[in-house]
Amino acid sequence: MNQDTSNTSFRIHPLTRIGSVHLRVSTFHRTVPFYTDVLGLGIIDEAAHRLTLGVETEQPLIVLEETIGAIRKPARTTGLYHFAILVPSRIDLARLVMRFVETEYPVQGASDHGVSEALYLADPDGNGIEVYADRPSDAWPREDGKLRMTTDPLDMAGLLNLLGTQKEAAGLPAGTRIGHIHLHVGHLAEAEAFYRERLGFDLMQRYGNSAAFLSAGGYHHHIGINTWAGVGAPPPPAQAVGLRHFTVHLPNRSALHALVDHLRRSEIVVHAEENGERIADPSGNHILLTAAEA
C-alpha cells in the first residue's frame, strides 16, 4: 500500500464523518432480529416499512427499508462492500465477540489492520458489516512517515482476555457510530477522482490498482473504494437489496454550503431534499450530504 495526501484546492471540512447507512432489505421478519438481538441496536423510530436503528435517540446509525419482492444483490455489481460500525473501545469489541458466540451468529473474518481491530459478518440479506475498534492514532503504523494499514490475524485470545470473568454479551454502547463505508465501484481512478476532487477527501492509501482509502481530517479512512466486483461492474438492479444511500455529515451548515457550491461549480448534479443534498458517485452509489443544525 502507498499513501498520497495531496489533493485539489478544495478540501472537505476536517470534522466531516459518515453519518448513517440506509439499506434496502427483503423482510423485517428476519432482518430486524439480527440488528437488534445480534448487533445490539435499538429501534429509535418506526414507520411503515421503515425502521431507524441506533444506540442513542439522537444518533441514528442504520435505516432499514423493507422492500417486498426485493432480490439478492448480484455479485458482480457496484454498491455496498461493507459498512463499518466503530465501537468506543477494545473491550466493547470483545463484548461483541461474546455476543456473536452466545447468539451463534457466524463471523466471516477477523483482522488486525494496525490502525484498528475488526470483525466481519453479513446481515441475513448479505449486506457486509465490519465492527471495529480503533487504536490511538499515535500508535497507527507508519512507514517513511506514511500511514500503512495492514491485514494481519486478530489476537482473539488477547481480546477476550480483557473480559476476565465478565462474560455478559452487552449490546452496542453509547458513543458507537458509523466509522466508515466501503464501496464497490466500476472504475477506481474515476471513483478516486470523484471523492478527492469533487468531495474533497484526502487519499490516505492505495492498495495496488484495485482499492483506495480516503478520509477527512487525517482519519485512516472514512471511504473505501474497490473494483473487486470487477472493473466496469454495473450498478445492481433497482429492486436488489443493499445500499440505498449513506450520509456524509458535515459539522455545520456553512461547511455543507461550501461543499454544495463546489459540487455545482464542478457540474455535479445536486438534488435538494428535506434532510440534505443528494448526489451520486460515478458508479451510482448515492450519498446524502447533511450537516449539524448549530
C-alpha atoms as a PDB file:
ATOM      1  CA  MET A   1       0.000   0.000   0.000  1.00  0.00           C
ATOM      2  CA  ASN A   2       1.075   3.571  -0.539  1.00  0.00           C
ATOM      3  CA  GLN A   3      -0.230   6.915   0.568  1.00  0.00           C
ATOM      4  CA  ASP A   4      -0.794  10.282  -1.032  1.00  0.00           C
ATOM      5  CA  THR A   5      -2.448  13.030   0.984  1.00  0.00           C
ATOM      6  CA  SER A   6      -2.142  15.651  -1.748  1.00  0.00           C
ATOM      7  CA  ASN A   7      -5.440  16.969  -3.069  1.00  0.00           C
ATOM      8  CA  THR A   8      -7.078  19.648  -5.136  1.00  0.00           C
ATOM      9  CA  SER A   9      -7.602  23.139  -3.724  1.00  0.00           C
ATOM     10  CA  PHE A  10     -10.998  22.187  -2.266  1.00  0.00           C
ATOM     11  CA  ARG A  11     -10.917  20.008   0.843  1.00  0.00           C
ATOM     12  CA  ILE A  12     -13.903  18.834   2.809  1.00  0.00           C
ATOM     13  CA  HIS A  13     -14.173  20.065   6.407  1.00  0.00           C
ATOM     14  CA  PRO A  14     -11.795  18.037   8.632  1.00  0.00           C
ATOM     15  CA  LEU A  15     -14.583  17.221  11.126  1.00  0.00           C
ATOM     16  CA  THR A  16     -16.676  15.527   8.442  1.00  0.00           C
ATOM     17  CA  ARG A  17     -17.746  11.967   9.260  1.00  0.00           C
ATOM     18  CA  ILE A  18     -20.023   9.238   7.959  1.00  0.00           C
ATOM     19  CA  GLY A  19     -23.472   9.680   9.478  1.00  0.00           C
ATOM     20  CA  SER A  20     -25.908   6.837   8.814  1.00  0.00           C
ATOM     21  CA  VAL A  21     -26.339   3.994   6.350  1.00  0.00           C
ATOM     22  CA  HIS A  22     -29.691   3.400   4.620  1.00  0.00           C
ATOM     23  CA  LEU A  23     -30.302  -0.159   3.469  1.00  0.00           C
ATOM     24  CA  ARG A  24     -32.943  -1.842   1.359  1.00  0.00           C
ATOM     25  CA  VAL A  25     -33.827  -5.220   2.937  1.00  0.00           C
ATOM     26  CA  SER A  26     -36.153  -8.005   1.884  1.00  0.00           C
ATOM     27  CA  THR A  27     -38.140  -8.548   5.062  1.00  0.00           C
ATOM     28  CA  PHE A  28     -38.141  -7.201   8.601  1.00  0.00           C
ATOM     29  CA  HIS A  29     -39.123 -10.641   9.885  1.00  0.00           C
ATOM     30  CA  ARG A  30     -35.579 -11.968   9.638  1.00  0.00           C
ATOM     31  CA  THR A  31     -33.567  -8.744   9.369  1.00  0.00           C
ATOM     32  CA  VAL A  32     -34.686  -6.845  12.454  1.00  0.00           C
ATOM     33  CA  PRO A  33     -33.778  -9.632  14.931  1.00  0.00           C
ATOM     34  CA  PHE A  34     -30.258  -9.611  13.518  1.00  0.00           C
ATOM     35  CA  TYR A  35     -29.785  -5.887  14.042  1.00  0.00           C
ATOM     36  CA  THR A  36     -31.398  -5.835  17.487  1.00  0.00           C
ATOM     37  CA  ASP A  37     -30.607  -9.229  19.048  1.00  0.00           C
ATOM     38  CA  VAL A  38     -27.243  -9.930  17.420  1.00  0.00           C
ATOM     39  CA  LEU A  39     -25.712  -6.480  16.898  1.00  0.00           C
ATOM     40  CA  GLY A  40     -27.498  -4.925  19.859  1.00  0.00           C
ATOM     41  CA  LEU A  41     -29.003  -1.867  18.188  1.00  0.00           C
ATOM     42  CA  GLY A  42     -32.243  -0.318  19.408  1.00  0.00           C
ATOM     43  CA  ILE A  43     -35.231   0.886  17.393  1.00  0.00           C
ATOM     44  CA  ILE A  44     -35.359   4.668  17.720  1.00  0.00           C
ATOM     45  CA  ASP A  45     -38.005   5.424  15.091  1.00  0.00           C
ATOM     46  CA  GLU A  46     -40.580   3.288  13.316  1.00  0.00           C
ATOM     47  CA  ALA A  47     -42.801   3.855  10.293  1.00  0.00           C
ATOM     48  CA  ALA A  48     -44.458   1.676   7.681  1.00  0.00           C
ATOM     49  CA  HIS A  49     -41.726  -0.420   6.065  1.00  0.00           C
ATOM     50  CA  ARG A  50     -39.017   1.782   7.621  1.00  0.00           C
ATOM     51  CA  LEU A  51     -37.040   1.372  10.846  1.00  0.00           C
ATOM     52  CA  THR A  52     -34.333   3.639  12.229  1.00  0.00           C
ATOM     53  CA  LEU A  53     -31.813   1.933  14.493  1.00  0.00           C
ATOM     54  CA  GLY A  54     -29.173   3.313  16.819  1.00  0.00           C
ATOM     55  CA  VAL A  55     -27.810   3.333  20.346  1.00  0.00           C
ATOM     56  CA  GLU A  56     -28.918   6.838  21.300  1.00  0.00           C
ATOM     57  CA  THR A  57     -32.080   8.622  20.217  1.00  0.00           C
ATOM     58  CA  GLU A  58     -30.125  11.495  18.680  1.00  0.00           C
ATOM     59  CA  GLN A  59     -27.703   9.209  16.839  1.00  0.00           C
ATOM     60  CA  PRO A  60     -29.324   7.133  14.055  1.00  0.00           C
ATOM     61  CA  LEU A  61     -26.882   4.609  12.633  1.00  0.00           C
ATOM     62  CA  ILE A  62     -28.842   2.303  10.342  1.00  0.00           C
ATOM     63  CA  VAL A  63     -32.104   2.900   8.486  1.00  0.00           C
ATOM     64  CA  LEU A  64     -33.784  -0.221   7.131  1.00  0.00           C
ATOM     65  CA  GLU A  65     -36.357  -0.025   4.346  1.00  0.00           C
ATOM     66  CA  GLU A  66     -38.377  -3.171   3.774  1.00  0.00           C
ATOM     67  CA  THR A  67     -38.920  -3.822   0.070  1.00  0.00           C
ATOM     68  CA  ILE A  68     -41.391  -6.573  -0.675  1.00  0.00           C
ATOM     69  CA  GLY A  69     -40.178  -8.616  -3.631  1.00  0.00           C
ATOM     70  CA  ALA A  70     -36.574  -7.485  -3.270  1.00  0.00           C
ATOM     71  CA  ILE A  71     -33.974  -9.732  -4.867  1.00  0.00           C
ATOM     72  CA  ARG A  72     -30.464 -10.672  -3.785  1.00  0.00           C
ATOM     73  CA  LYS A  73     -27.805  -8.207  -4.945  1.00  0.00           C
ATOM     74  CA  PRO A  74     -25.915  -9.736  -7.898  1.00  0.00           C
ATOM     75  CA  ALA A  75     -22.290 -10.478  -7.025  1.00  0.00           C
ATOM     76  CA  ARG A  76     -20.578  -8.538  -9.808  1.00  0.00           C
ATOM     77  CA  THR A  77     -22.243  -5.180  -9.294  1.00  0.00           C
ATOM     78  CA  THR A  78     -21.331  -1.911  -7.613  1.00  0.00           C
ATOM     79  CA  GLY A  79     -22.780  -0.850  -4.281  1.00  0.00           C
ATOM     80  CA  LEU A  80     -22.034  -1.853  -0.727  1.00  0.00           C
ATOM     81  CA  TYR A  81     -18.932  -3.875   0.119  1.00  0.00           C
ATOM     82  CA  HIS A  82     -19.445  -3.237   3.816  1.00  0.00           C
ATOM     83  CA  PHE A  83     -20.344  -0.532   6.270  1.00  0.00           C
ATOM     84  CA  ALA A  84     -18.314  -0.312   9.448  1.00  0.00           C
ATOM     85  CA  ILE A  85     -19.609   0.174  12.980  1.00  0.00           C
ATOM     86  CA  LEU A  86     -16.980   1.768  15.222  1.00  0.00           C
ATOM     87  CA  VAL A  87     -17.241   0.943  18.933  1.00  0.00           C
ATOM     88  CA  PRO A  88     -15.560   3.196  21.508  1.00  0.00           C
ATOM     89  CA  SER A  89     -13.039   0.724  22.965  1.00  0.00           C
ATOM     90  CA  ARG A  90     -11.346  -2.621  22.592  1.00  0.00           C
ATOM     91  CA  ILE A  91     -13.341  -4.134  25.445  1.00  0.00           C
ATOM     92  CA  ASP A  92     -16.548  -3.166  23.633  1.00  0.00           C
ATOM     93  CA  LEU A  93     -15.309  -5.179  20.660  1.00  0.00           C
ATOM     94  CA  ALA A  94     -14.581  -8.112  22.980  1.00  0.00           C
ATOM     95  CA  ARG A  95     -18.131  -7.919  24.326  1.00  0.00           C
ATOM     96  CA  LEU A  96     -19.433  -8.067  20.765  1.00  0.00           C
ATOM     97  CA  VAL A  97     -17.393 -11.205  20.150  1.00  0.00           C
ATOM     98  CA  MET A  98     -19.136 -12.792  23.130  1.00  0.00           C
ATOM     99  CA  ARG A  99     -22.495 -11.635  21.777  1.00  0.00           C
ATOM    100  CA  PHE A 100     -21.813 -13.368  18.468  1.00  0.00           C
ATOM    101  CA  VAL A 101     -20.750 -16.518  20.322  1.00  0.00           C
ATOM    102  CA  GLU A 102     -23.846 -16.546  22.511  1.00  0.00           C
ATOM    103  CA  THR A 103     -26.228 -15.901  19.612  1.00  0.00           C
ATOM    104  CA  GLU A 104     -24.302 -18.407  17.450  1.00  0.00           C
ATOM    105  CA  TYR A 105     -24.155 -15.937  14.594  1.00  0.00           C
ATOM    106  CA  PRO A 106     -21.411 -16.713  12.040  1.00  0.00           C
ATOM    107  CA  VAL A 107     -18.458 -14.340  11.816  1.00  0.00           C
ATOM    108  CA  GLN A 108     -16.870 -14.337   8.356  1.00  0.00           C
ATOM    109  CA  GLY A 109     -13.469 -12.920   9.260  1.00  0.00           C
ATOM    110  CA  ALA A 110     -11.323 -11.160  11.840  1.00  0.00           C
ATOM    111  CA  SER A 111      -8.297  -8.935  11.159  1.00  0.00           C
ATOM    112  CA  ASP A 112      -5.774  -6.638  12.778  1.00  0.00           C
ATOM    113  CA  HIS A 113      -5.292  -3.656  10.467  1.00  0.00           C
ATOM    114  CA  GLY A 114      -2.687  -1.912  12.600  1.00  0.00           C
ATOM    115  CA  VAL A 115      -4.919   1.131  12.918  1.00  0.00           C
ATOM    116  CA  SER A 116      -7.793  -0.999  14.225  1.00  0.00           C
ATOM    117  CA  GLU A 117      -9.035  -4.464  15.131  1.00  0.00           C
ATOM    118  CA  ALA A 118     -12.053  -5.728  13.215  1.00  0.00           C
ATOM    119  CA  LEU A 119     -14.617  -8.478  12.810  1.00  0.00           C
ATOM    120  CA  TYR A 120     -16.574  -9.125   9.612  1.00  0.00           C
ATOM    121  CA  LEU A 121     -20.049 -10.566   9.142  1.00  0.00           C
ATOM    122  CA  ALA A 122     -23.148 -10.066   6.995  1.00  0.00           C
ATOM    123  CA  ASP A 123     -26.803  -9.474   7.721  1.00  0.00           C
ATOM    124  CA  PRO A 124     -29.417 -12.016   6.533  1.00  0.00           C
ATOM    125  CA  ASP A 125     -29.634 -10.254   3.147  1.00  0.00           C
ATOM    126  CA  GLY A 126     -25.879 -10.463   2.637  1.00  0.00           C
ATOM    127  CA  ASN A 127     -25.100  -6.813   3.392  1.00  0.00           C
ATOM    128  CA  GLY A 128     -21.483  -6.730   4.545  1.00  0.00           C
ATOM    129  CA  ILE A 129     -20.716  -5.367   8.005  1.00  0.00           C
ATOM    130  CA  GLU A 130     -17.484  -4.622   9.824  1.00  0.00           C
ATOM    131  CA  VAL A 131     -17.421  -3.957  13.562  1.00  0.00           C
ATOM    132  CA  TYR A 132     -14.170  -2.494  14.824  1.00  0.00           C
ATOM    133  CA  ALA A 133     -12.281  -0.603  17.490  1.00  0.00           C
ATOM    134  CA  ASP A 134      -9.583   1.924  16.657  1.00  0.00           C
ATOM    135  CA  ARG A 135      -6.150   2.067  18.165  1.00  0.00           C
ATOM    136  CA  PRO A 136      -4.951   5.527  19.283  1.00  0.00           C
ATOM    137  CA  SER A 137      -3.824   7.482  16.229  1.00  0.00           C
ATOM    138  CA  ASP A 138      -0.292   7.883  17.608  1.00  0.00           C
ATOM    139  CA  ALA A 139       0.011   4.078  17.521  1.00  0.00           C
ATOM    140  CA  TRP A 140      -1.030   3.717  13.883  1.00  0.00           C
ATOM    141  CA  PRO A 141       1.729   2.036  11.846  1.00  0.00           C
ATOM    142  CA  ARG A 142       3.667   4.300   9.516  1.00  0.00           C
ATOM    143  CA  GLU A 143       6.442   3.749   7.027  1.00  0.00           C
ATOM    144  CA  ASP A 144       8.574   6.713   5.975  1.00  0.00           C
ATOM    145  CA  GLY A 145       6.034   8.913   7.717  1.00  0.00           C
ATOM    146  CA  LYS A 146       3.121   7.483   5.738  1.00  0.00           C
ATOM    147  CA  LEU A 147       0.172   5.533   7.088  1.00  0.00           C
ATOM    148  CA  ARG A 148       0.482   1.791   6.486  1.00  0.00           C
ATOM    149  CA  MET A 149      -2.656  -0.215   7.194  1.00  0.00           C
ATOM    150  CA  THR A 150      -2.124  -3.964   7.345  1.00  0.00           C
ATOM    151  CA  THR A 151      -4.210  -7.136   7.274  1.00  0.00           C
ATOM    152  CA  ASP A 152      -2.897  -9.463   9.959  1.00  0.00           C
ATOM    153  CA  PRO A 153      -4.580 -12.119  12.123  1.00  0.00           C
ATOM    154  CA  LEU A 154      -6.616 -10.748  15.009  1.00  0.00           C
ATOM    155  CA  ASP A 155      -5.396 -11.617  18.505  1.00  0.00           C
ATOM    156  CA  MET A 156      -8.740 -13.080  19.538  1.00  0.00           C
ATOM    157  CA  ALA A 157      -7.394 -14.609  22.752  1.00  0.00           C
ATOM    158  CA  GLY A 158      -5.926 -11.290  23.845  1.00  0.00           C
ATOM    159  CA  LEU A 159      -9.182  -9.562  23.019  1.00  0.00           C
ATOM    160  CA  LEU A 160     -11.288 -11.980  25.043  1.00  0.00           C
ATOM    161  CA  ASN A 161      -8.848 -11.907  27.963  1.00  0.00           C
ATOM    162  CA  LEU A 162      -9.933  -8.302  28.501  1.00  0.00           C
ATOM    163  CA  LEU A 163     -13.263  -9.603  29.738  1.00  0.00           C
ATOM    164  CA  GLY A 164     -11.799 -11.744  32.521  1.00  0.00           C
ATOM    165  CA  THR A 165     -14.701 -13.487  34.231  1.00  0.00           C
ATOM    166  CA  GLN A 166     -17.125 -10.920  32.841  1.00  0.00           C
ATOM    167  CA  LYS A 167     -18.875 -12.830  30.068  1.00  0.00           C
ATOM    168  CA  GLU A 168     -22.112 -10.934  29.516  1.00  0.00           C
ATOM    169  CA  ALA A 169     -22.830 -10.195  25.863  1.00  0.00           C
ATOM    170  CA  ALA A 170     -23.567  -6.485  26.144  1.00  0.00           C
ATOM    171  CA  GLY A 171     -25.072  -4.576  23.230  1.00  0.00           C
ATOM    172  CA  LEU A 172     -23.599  -1.598  21.488  1.00  0.00           C
ATOM    173  CA  PRO A 173     -22.563   1.135  23.941  1.00  0.00           C
ATOM    174  CA  ALA A 174     -23.204   4.871  23.840  1.00  0.00           C
ATOM    175  CA  GLY A 175     -20.682   6.536  21.562  1.00  0.00           C
ATOM    176  CA  THR A 176     -20.920   3.837  18.886  1.00  0.00           C
ATOM    177  CA  ARG A 177     -21.065   5.327  15.376  1.00  0.00           C
ATOM    178  CA  ILE A 178     -20.546   4.528  11.719  1.00  0.00           C
ATOM    179  CA  GLY A 179     -16.794   4.753  11.268  1.00  0.00           C
ATOM    180  CA  HIS A 180     -16.520   4.264   7.526  1.00  0.00           C
ATOM    181  CA  ILE A 181     -18.133   2.795   4.457  1.00  0.00           C
ATOM    182  CA  HIS A 182     -16.509   0.644   1.780  1.00  0.00           C
ATOM    183  CA  LEU A 183     -17.952   0.556  -1.726  1.00  0.00           C
ATOM    184  CA  HIS A 184     -17.697  -1.481  -4.883  1.00  0.00           C
ATOM    185  CA  VAL A 185     -17.082   0.872  -7.817  1.00  0.00           C
ATOM    186  CA  GLY A 186     -16.799   0.338 -11.540  1.00  0.00           C
ATOM    187  CA  HIS A 187     -13.556   2.186 -12.196  1.00  0.00           C
ATOM    188  CA  LEU A 188     -11.084   3.017  -9.448  1.00  0.00           C
ATOM    189  CA  ALA A 189      -9.427   6.104 -10.956  1.00  0.00           C
ATOM    190  CA  GLU A 190     -12.785   7.647 -11.802  1.00  0.00           C
ATOM    191  CA  ALA A 191     -14.174   6.997  -8.309  1.00  0.00           C
ATOM    192  CA  GLU A 192     -10.997   8.213  -6.617  1.00  0.00           C
ATOM    193  CA  ALA A 193     -11.104  11.438  -8.614  1.00  0.00           C
ATOM    194  CA  PHE A 194     -14.730  11.979  -7.589  1.00  0.00           C
ATOM    195  CA  TYR A 195     -14.118  11.514  -3.864  1.00  0.00           C
ATOM    196  CA  ARG A 196     -10.914  13.594  -3.941  1.00  0.00           C
ATOM    197  CA  GLU A 197     -11.609  16.353  -6.428  1.00  0.00           C
ATOM    198  CA  ARG A 198     -15.361  16.711  -6.064  1.00  0.00           C
ATOM    199  CA  LEU A 199     -15.993  15.864  -2.408  1.00  0.00           C
ATOM    200  CA  GLY A 200     -12.560  16.913  -1.192  1.00  0.00           C
ATOM    201  CA  PHE A 201     -11.460  13.857   0.793  1.00  0.00           C
ATOM    202  CA  ASP A 202      -7.756  13.128   1.181  1.00  0.00           C
ATOM    203  CA  LEU A 203      -6.292   9.974  -0.321  1.00  0.00           C
ATOM    204  CA  MET A 204      -4.689   8.026   2.533  1.00  0.00           C
ATOM    205  CA  GLN A 205      -3.636   4.795   0.819  1.00  0.00           C
ATOM    206  CA  ARG A 206      -3.973   2.786  -2.336  1.00  0.00           C
ATOM    207  CA  TYR A 207      -3.994  -0.999  -2.390  1.00  0.00           C
ATOM    208  CA  GLY A 208      -2.365  -1.809  -5.698  1.00  0.00           C
ATOM    209  CA  ASN A 209      -4.612  -0.735  -8.560  1.00  0.00           C
ATOM    210  CA  SER A 210      -7.802  -2.205  -7.107  1.00  0.00           C
ATOM    211  CA  ALA A 211      -8.622  -0.246  -3.921  1.00  0.00           C
ATOM    212  CA  ALA A 212      -8.158   3.155  -2.309  1.00  0.00           C
ATOM    213  CA  PHE A 213      -8.914   4.649   1.093  1.00  0.00           C
ATOM    214  CA  LEU A 214      -9.854   8.291   1.672  1.00  0.00           C
ATOM    215  CA  SER A 215     -10.647  10.432   4.684  1.00  0.00           C
ATOM    216  CA  ALA A 216     -11.262  13.839   6.197  1.00  0.00           C
ATOM    217  CA  GLY A 217      -9.097  15.292   8.938  1.00  0.00           C
ATOM    218  CA  GLY A 218      -6.353  12.658   8.892  1.00  0.00           C
ATOM    219  CA  TYR A 219      -8.506   9.664   9.887  1.00  0.00           C
ATOM    220  CA  HIS A 220      -7.301   6.348   8.438  1.00  0.00           C
ATOM    221  CA  HIS A 221     -10.366   6.198   6.188  1.00  0.00           C
ATOM    222  CA  HIS A 222     -13.980   7.283   6.007  1.00  0.00           C
ATOM    223  CA  ILE A 223     -14.432   5.977   2.454  1.00  0.00           C
ATOM    224  CA  GLY A 224     -13.062   2.796   0.938  1.00  0.00           C
ATOM    225  CA  ILE A 225     -13.486   2.030  -2.765  1.00  0.00           C
ATOM    226  CA  ASN A 226     -12.567  -1.086  -4.710  1.00  0.00           C
ATOM    227  CA  THR A 227     -13.054  -2.845  -8.034  1.00  0.00           C
ATOM    228  CA  TRP A 228     -13.171  -6.335  -6.514  1.00  0.00           C
ATOM    229  CA  ALA A 229     -16.606  -6.926  -8.076  1.00  0.00           C
ATOM    230  CA  GLY A 230     -14.979  -6.412 -11.472  1.00  0.00           C
ATOM    231  CA  VAL A 231     -13.671  -3.472 -13.447  1.00  0.00           C
ATOM    232  CA  GLY A 232     -16.624  -1.859 -15.182  1.00  0.00           C
ATOM    233  CA  ALA A 233     -19.157  -3.552 -12.900  1.00  0.00           C
ATOM    234  CA  PRO A 234     -22.670  -2.112 -13.397  1.00  0.00           C
ATOM    235  CA  PRO A 235     -24.994  -0.872 -10.640  1.00  0.00           C
ATOM    236  CA  PRO A 236     -27.289  -3.514  -9.140  1.00  0.00           C
ATOM    237  CA  PRO A 237     -30.943  -3.711 -10.236  1.00  0.00           C
ATOM    238  CA  ALA A 238     -33.252  -1.210  -8.551  1.00  0.00           C
ATOM    239  CA  GLN A 239     -35.132  -3.994  -6.759  1.00  0.00           C
ATOM    240  CA  ALA A 240     -31.990  -5.543  -5.240  1.00  0.00           C
ATOM    241  CA  VAL A 241     -31.321  -5.438  -1.525  1.00  0.00           C
ATOM    242  CA  GLY A 242     -28.336  -3.394  -0.455  1.00  0.00           C
ATOM    243  CA  LEU A 243     -27.254   0.201  -0.125  1.00  0.00           C
ATOM    244  CA  ARG A 244     -29.913   2.834  -0.734  1.00  0.00           C
ATOM    245  CA  HIS A 245     -27.603   5.655   0.305  1.00  0.00           C
ATOM    246  CA  PHE A 246     -25.232   6.724   3.061  1.00  0.00           C
ATOM    247  CA  THR A 247     -24.835  10.128   4.645  1.00  0.00           C
ATOM    248  CA  VAL A 248     -21.744  12.282   4.741  1.00  0.00           C
ATOM    249  CA  HIS A 249     -22.254  14.513   7.770  1.00  0.00           C
ATOM    250  CA  LEU A 250     -20.566  17.906   7.964  1.00  0.00           C
ATOM    251  CA  PRO A 251     -20.142  19.775  11.263  1.00  0.00           C
ATOM    252  CA  ASN A 252     -22.140  22.892  10.312  1.00  0.00           C
ATOM    253  CA  ARG A 253     -24.317  24.418   7.624  1.00  0.00           C
ATOM    254  CA  SER A 254     -21.531  26.660   6.375  1.00  0.00           C
ATOM    255  CA  ALA A 255     -19.339  23.656   5.586  1.00  0.00           C
ATOM    256  CA  LEU A 256     -22.245  21.979   3.794  1.00  0.00           C
ATOM    257  CA  HIS A 257     -22.969  25.083   1.706  1.00  0.00           C
ATOM    258  CA  ALA A 258     -19.296  25.380   0.733  1.00  0.00           C
ATOM    259  CA  LEU A 259     -19.267  21.755  -0.412  1.00  0.00           C
ATOM    260  CA  VAL A 260     -22.518  22.064  -2.375  1.00  0.00           C
ATOM    261  CA  ASP A 261     -21.277  25.242  -4.068  1.00  0.00           C
ATOM    262  CA  HIS A 262     -18.077  23.449  -5.061  1.00  0.00           C
ATOM    263  CA  LEU A 263     -20.035  20.471  -6.406  1.00  0.00           C
ATOM    264  CA  ARG A 264     -22.265  22.680  -8.517  1.00  0.00           C
ATOM    265  CA  ARG A 265     -19.276  24.577  -9.901  1.00  0.00           C
ATOM    266  CA  SER A 266     -17.855  21.160 -10.793  1.00  0.00           C
ATOM    267  CA  GLU A 267     -21.084  20.363 -12.666  1.00  0.00           C
ATOM    268  CA  ILE A 268     -22.131  17.625 -10.240  1.00  0.00           C
ATOM    269  CA  VAL A 269     -25.910  17.227 -10.124  1.00  0.00           C
ATOM    270  CA  VAL A 270     -27.158  18.031  -6.609  1.00  0.00           C
ATOM    271  CA  HIS A 271     -30.748  17.304  -5.592  1.00  0.00           C
ATOM    272  CA  ALA A 272     -32.120  19.257  -2.634  1.00  0.00           C
ATOM    273  CA  GLU A 273     -34.109  17.038  -0.270  1.00  0.00           C
ATOM    274  CA  GLU A 274     -35.834  17.621   3.044  1.00  0.00           C
ATOM    275  CA  ASN A 275     -32.953  16.154   5.058  1.00  0.00           C
ATOM    276  CA  GLY A 276     -29.975  17.206   2.949  1.00  0.00           C
ATOM    277  CA  GLU A 277     -28.457  17.323  -0.521  1.00  0.00           C
ATOM    278  CA  ARG A 278     -28.301  14.139  -2.579  1.00  0.00           C
ATOM    279  CA  ILE A 279     -25.598  13.262  -5.101  1.00  0.00           C
ATOM    280  CA  ALA A 280     -24.328  10.069  -6.721  1.00  0.00           C
ATOM    281  CA  ASP A 281     -20.800   8.918  -7.407  1.00  0.00           C
ATOM    282  CA  PRO A 282     -19.834   7.772 -10.943  1.00  0.00           C
ATOM    283  CA  SER A 283     -20.762   4.155 -10.069  1.00  0.00           C
ATOM    284  CA  GLY A 284     -24.270   5.053  -8.965  1.00  0.00           C
ATOM    285  CA  ASN A 285     -23.665   4.931  -5.200  1.00  0.00           C
ATOM    286  CA  HIS A 286     -25.944   7.551  -3.650  1.00  0.00           C
ATOM    287  CA  ILE A 287     -24.796   9.963  -0.952  1.00  0.00           C
ATOM    288  CA  LEU A 288     -26.883  12.313   1.187  1.00  0.00           C
ATOM    289  CA  LEU A 289     -24.907  15.347   2.387  1.00  0.00           C
ATOM    290  CA  THR A 290     -26.119  16.551   5.791  1.00  0.00           C
ATOM    291  CA  ALA A 291     -24.986  18.981   8.467  1.00  0.00           C
ATOM    292  CA  ALA A 292     -25.439  19.732  12.140  1.00  0.00           C
ATOM    293  CA  GLU A 293     -28.034  22.431  12.671  1.00  0.00           C
ATOM    294  CA  ALA A 294     -25.903  24.545  15.014  1.00  0.00           C
END
